[in-house]
């Protein structure tokens, strides 16, 4: 598995917070777009 590699796992752990922020912002923007469409 890709995440069994120690370096990849460490890099993901460092970037996880930013990944979650970016995906959360995308979901919020998509939801706002759907809410404002007629």
Protein backbone atom coordinates (compact mmCIF):
# COMPACT_ATOMS: atom_id res chain seq x y z
CA UNK A 1 0.00 0.00 0.00
CA UNK A 2 1.18 3.52 -0.74
CA UNK A 3 0.67 4.76 2.84
CA UNK A 4 2.87 2.04 4.32
CA UNK A 5 5.93 3.93 3.11
CA UNK A 6 7.24 5.96 6.02
CA UNK A 7 8.15 9.04 3.96
CA UNK A 8 4.79 9.17 2.18
CA UNK A 9 2.96 8.72 5.47
CA UNK A 10 4.95 11.52 7.12
CA UNK A 11 4.34 13.87 4.19
CA UNK A 12 0.61 13.13 4.28
CA UNK A 13 0.49 13.76 8.03
CA UNK A 14 2.15 17.16 7.52
CA UNK A 15 -0.17 18.13 4.65
CA UNK A 16 -3.39 16.61 6.02
CA UNK A 17 -4.65 19.81 7.68
CA UNK A 18 -4.22 21.85 4.49
CA UNK A 19 -5.77 19.09 2.37
CA UNK A 20 -8.81 19.07 4.66
CA UNK A 21 -9.08 22.87 4.55
CA UNK A 22 -8.94 22.97 0.76
CA UNK A 23 -11.49 20.19 0.30
CA UNK A 24 -13.76 21.78 2.92
CA UNK A 25 -13.62 25.12 1.10
CA UNK A 26 -14.48 23.39 -2.19
CA UNK A 27 -17.51 21.70 -0.59
CA UNK A 28 -18.67 25.02 0.91
CA UNK A 29 -18.33 26.82 -2.42
CA UNK A 30 -20.12 24.02 -4.27
CA UNK A 31 -22.93 24.03 -1.70
CA UNK A 32 -23.26 27.82 -1.92
CA UNK A 33 -23.43 27.59 -5.71
CA UNK A 34 -26.18 24.98 -5.50
CA UNK A 35 -28.07 27.02 -2.89
CA UNK A 36 -28.04 30.17 -5.03
CA UNK A 37 -29.15 28.50 -8.26
CA UNK A 38 -32.88 28.82 -9.03
